[in-house]
Protein backbone atom coordinates (compact mmCIF):
# COMPACT_ATOMS: atom_id res chain seq x y z
CA MET A 1 15.79 7.63 -1.44
CA LYS A 2 12.50 10.60 -0.60
CA ILE A 3 10.31 9.00 1.26
CA ASP A 4 7.26 8.98 0.55
CA GLU A 5 4.48 10.91 2.98
CA GLN A 6 2.28 8.57 2.20
CA HIS A 7 3.88 5.36 3.63
CA VAL A 8 4.19 7.12 7.02
CA ALA A 9 1.20 9.00 7.52
CA GLU A 10 -0.18 7.63 10.51
CA PRO A 11 1.05 4.77 12.81
CA GLY A 12 2.22 1.23 12.57
CA LEU A 13 3.24 2.54 8.91
CA VAL A 14 7.29 1.91 8.39
CA ALA A 15 9.90 2.10 5.53
CA LEU A 16 12.75 0.19 6.29
CA ASP A 17 15.67 0.67 4.20
CA ILE A 18 17.76 -2.94 4.12
CA THR A 19 21.23 -2.91 2.91
CA ALA A 20 23.15 -5.94 2.66
CA ALA A 21 26.26 -7.94 1.11
CA ASP A 22 24.09 -9.26 -1.82
CA GLU A 23 20.88 -9.85 -3.20
CA ASP A 24 19.84 -13.48 -2.17
CA THR A 25 20.22 -11.82 1.18
CA VAL A 26 17.90 -9.05 0.91
CA ARG A 27 14.95 -11.08 -0.71
CA THR A 28 15.78 -13.88 2.21
CA VAL A 29 15.02 -10.49 4.65
CA MET A 30 12.30 -9.08 2.64
CA ASP A 31 10.31 -12.65 2.34
CA GLY A 32 10.68 -12.71 6.00
CA LEU A 33 9.18 -9.64 6.58
CA GLN A 34 5.94 -10.04 4.13
CA GLN A 35 5.54 -13.81 6.28
CA GLN A 36 5.51 -11.34 9.97
CA TRP A 37 3.41 -8.39 8.14
CA ALA A 38 1.81 -6.82 5.52
CA THR A 39 4.51 -5.34 3.13
CA SER A 40 4.86 -3.94 0.02
CA GLY A 41 6.71 -7.25 -1.25
CA ILE A 42 9.58 -8.25 -2.48
CA THR A 43 10.93 -5.12 -4.32
CA LEU A 44 13.82 -4.02 -6.79
CA VAL A 45 17.56 -4.04 -5.51
CA TRP A 46 20.00 -1.50 -6.57
CA ARG A 47 23.35 -0.91 -5.92
CA THR A 48 24.98 2.36 -5.08
CA PRO A 49 28.50 3.27 -6.53
CA GLY A 50 30.93 3.51 -4.07
CA GLU A 51 29.42 1.94 -1.25
CA VAL A 52 29.01 -1.30 0.16
CA GLY A 53 26.51 -4.30 -1.10
CA VAL A 54 22.69 -3.55 -1.80
CA LYS A 55 20.41 -1.45 -0.98
CA ALA A 56 16.26 -2.54 -1.09
CA ARG A 57 13.06 -0.25 0.97
CA VAL A 58 10.07 -2.01 1.96
CA TYR A 59 7.34 -0.20 2.71
CA ALA A 60 5.27 -2.10 5.59
CA ASP A 61 2.15 -1.83 7.85
CA VAL A 62 3.31 -3.61 11.12
CA ARG A 63 -0.42 -3.69 12.89
CA ARG A 64 -2.19 -5.67 10.03
CA GLN A 65 -0.32 -9.36 9.78
CA PRO A 66 -0.52 -11.15 5.69
CA ASP A 67 -3.08 -12.99 4.35
CA PRO A 68 -2.87 -16.64 4.87
CA ALA A 69 -4.37 -17.13 1.53
CA ASP A 70 -1.92 -15.71 -0.64
């Protein structure tokens, strides 16, 4: 899966690819990341045939904390 340049166009913007044994674990990790930083939120989880586990991608801005009102 290609990373769009806009998602990492400046310092502090990151694209994180997460691989775990199951969907619950991936979703727990994504939830923890969105508690720490401003992220794209809980994203789709997918499997790649022939590869172990499930995957997800999260985009984050590590310069910003999430808004507690959200």
